[in-house]
Amino acid sequence: MPGCHKVLGGLAAGIIETCPDKHDSDPLLAAQHELEEECHLAGGTWHRLTDEGVAVSMDKYVQTKITAYLVIDAIRVDDPRPLDEEEEIEIVRGVTIDEIMRMVRGGDMNLVGAWASLLALQKLRDLGEIE
């Protein structure tokens, strides 16, 4: 993570690129593109983790707003969209719930990733996918 000058765990994340309008100002389309670029995954069933029409303010100092999603049953993509040139990402698969919680509590994941992880875990419980 360039801001904190550390390697941290995280989730696929990005911004809606409007110049050129790569994502048509659509947060779901942006999320789908980022998942393919950063995790080499596509498809699946998508669940919005924030209320419809709501984008959550990242913090009090920036105008960045966040819309979080969970995707279930995505499939691997053999020829994914390329990473942005400043990105250096290692894909880690098979991370357990306990490992996610250790990362969240131990500061080994940024705040946005931790927040989205907790929302995703609750959604998985609501869907009966985990206990």
Protein backbone atom coordinates (compact mmCIF):
# COMPACT_ATOMS: atom_id res chain seq x y z
CA MET A 1 0.00 0.00 0.00
CA PRO A 2 1.78 3.13 -1.17
CA GLY A 3 0.22 5.47 1.41
CA CYS A 4 1.53 3.61 4.45
CA HIS A 5 4.64 2.26 2.67
CA LYS A 6 3.79 -1.30 3.79
CA VAL A 7 2.71 -4.55 2.23
CA LEU A 8 -0.78 -5.23 3.59
CA GLY A 9 -3.47 -7.75 2.88
CA GLY A 10 -6.52 -6.36 1.17
CA LEU A 11 -9.42 -6.90 -1.14
CA ALA A 12 -9.79 -6.07 -4.80
CA ALA A 13 -10.48 -2.34 -4.84
CA GLY A 14 -10.41 0.56 -7.20
CA ILE A 15 -12.02 3.80 -8.22
CA ILE A 16 -14.59 4.63 -10.86
CA GLU A 17 -12.45 5.88 -13.69
CA THR A 18 -14.20 8.71 -15.49
CA CYS A 19 -11.46 9.90 -17.83
CA PRO A 20 -11.96 8.14 -20.18
CA ASP A 21 -15.23 6.87 -18.73
CA LYS A 22 -14.03 3.28 -18.39
CA HIS A 23 -16.78 2.25 -15.95
CA ASP A 24 -19.77 4.32 -17.13
CA SER A 25 -19.93 5.78 -13.57
CA ASP A 26 -21.26 2.39 -12.45
CA PRO A 27 -19.79 1.11 -9.14
CA LEU A 28 -20.75 -2.50 -9.91
CA LEU A 29 -19.01 -2.42 -13.30
CA ALA A 30 -15.94 -0.85 -11.66
CA ALA A 31 -15.96 -3.61 -9.01
CA GLN A 32 -16.25 -6.31 -11.68
CA HIS A 33 -13.32 -4.83 -13.62
CA GLU A 34 -11.17 -4.58 -10.47
CA LEU A 35 -11.94 -8.18 -9.47
CA GLU A 36 -10.80 -9.37 -12.89
CA GLU A 37 -7.68 -7.17 -12.92
CA GLU A 38 -6.55 -7.81 -9.36
CA CYS A 39 -7.82 -11.35 -8.61
CA HIS A 40 -8.17 -12.84 -12.11
CA LEU A 41 -11.82 -13.70 -11.35
CA ALA A 42 -15.10 -12.91 -13.12
CA GLY A 43 -18.77 -13.80 -13.09
CA GLY A 44 -20.46 -15.21 -10.04
CA THR A 45 -23.32 -13.84 -7.99
CA TRP A 46 -22.82 -10.26 -6.81
CA HIS A 47 -24.19 -8.86 -3.56
CA ARG A 48 -24.05 -5.17 -2.73
CA LEU A 49 -22.92 -4.75 0.89
CA THR A 50 -24.12 -1.17 1.37
CA ASP A 51 -27.67 0.06 1.00
CA GLU A 52 -28.82 0.72 -2.56
CA GLY A 53 -27.89 4.20 -3.70
CA VAL A 54 -25.51 4.69 -0.76
CA ALA A 55 -21.79 5.24 -1.14
CA VAL A 56 -20.02 5.45 2.22
CA SER A 57 -17.58 8.31 2.82
CA MET A 58 -14.07 6.94 3.28
CA ASP A 59 -13.11 9.44 5.98
CA LYS A 60 -13.54 13.05 6.95
CA TYR A 61 -10.59 14.34 4.92
CA VAL A 62 -11.33 13.07 1.41
CA GLN A 63 -14.30 13.02 -0.92
CA THR A 64 -13.79 9.36 -1.82
CA LYS A 65 -16.97 7.33 -1.44
CA ILE A 66 -17.02 3.55 -1.21
CA THR A 67 -19.48 0.93 -2.40
CA ALA A 68 -18.62 -2.59 -1.26
CA TYR A 69 -19.63 -5.85 -2.93
CA LEU A 70 -19.32 -9.56 -2.26
CA VAL A 71 -19.12 -12.00 -5.16
CA ILE A 72 -19.79 -15.70 -4.71
CA ASP A 73 -18.76 -18.45 -7.15
CA ALA A 74 -16.62 -16.30 -9.42
CA ILE A 75 -14.52 -18.22 -11.92
CA ARG A 76 -10.84 -17.84 -12.79
CA VAL A 77 -10.01 -15.81 -15.89
CA ASP A 78 -7.09 -17.02 -18.02
CA ASP A 79 -6.45 -13.70 -19.77
CA PRO A 80 -7.52 -11.01 -17.26
CA ARG A 81 -7.57 -7.27 -17.72
CA PRO A 82 -4.07 -5.90 -17.03
CA LEU A 83 -3.13 -4.34 -13.71
CA ASP A 84 -2.63 -0.59 -13.61
CA GLU A 85 1.07 0.12 -14.14
CA GLU A 86 1.64 1.29 -10.54
CA GLU A 87 0.08 -1.85 -9.04
CA GLU A 88 2.10 -4.74 -7.64
CA ILE A 89 -0.29 -7.40 -6.35
CA GLU A 90 0.15 -10.95 -5.12
CA ILE A 91 -3.04 -13.02 -5.26
CA VAL A 92 -3.50 -15.12 -2.13
CA ARG A 93 -6.22 -17.78 -2.24
CA GLY A 94 -7.73 -19.91 0.52
CA VAL A 95 -7.57 -17.31 3.30
CA THR A 96 -9.64 -18.50 6.26
CA ILE A 97 -12.06 -16.47 8.36
CA ASP A 98 -9.69 -16.74 11.33
CA GLU A 99 -6.83 -15.39 9.20
CA ILE A 100 -9.00 -12.48 8.00
CA MET A 101 -9.92 -11.62 11.58
CA ARG A 102 -6.25 -11.77 12.65
CA MET A 103 -5.36 -9.40 9.79
CA VAL A 104 -8.16 -7.00 10.75
CA ARG A 105 -7.27 -6.99 14.46
CA GLY A 106 -3.52 -6.92 13.84
CA GLY A 107 -3.52 -3.97 11.45
CA ASP A 108 -2.35 -6.13 8.56
CA MET A 109 -5.19 -4.91 6.33
CA ASN A 110 -6.16 -1.34 5.54
CA LEU A 111 -9.31 0.07 7.12
CA VAL A 112 -11.41 -0.07 3.93
CA GLY A 113 -10.47 -3.72 3.34
CA ALA A 114 -11.19 -4.58 6.96
CA TRP A 115 -14.57 -2.83 6.86
CA ALA A 116 -15.56 -4.58 3.63
CA SER A 117 -14.32 -7.94 4.96
CA LEU A 118 -16.53 -7.61 8.04
CA LEU A 119 -19.53 -6.67 5.89
CA ALA A 120 -18.82 -9.63 3.59
CA LEU A 121 -18.57 -12.07 6.49
CA GLN A 122 -21.91 -10.86 7.83
CA LYS A 123 -23.49 -11.23 4.38
CA LEU A 124 -22.14 -14.79 4.12
CA ARG A 125 -23.74 -15.54 7.52
CA ASP A 126 -27.03 -13.99 6.37
CA LEU A 127 -26.94 -16.17 3.22
CA GLY A 128 -26.23 -19.30 5.30
CA GLU A 129 -22.85 -19.81 3.62
CA ILE A 130 -20.98 -19.71 6.95
CA GLU A 131 -21.94 -19.91 10.63
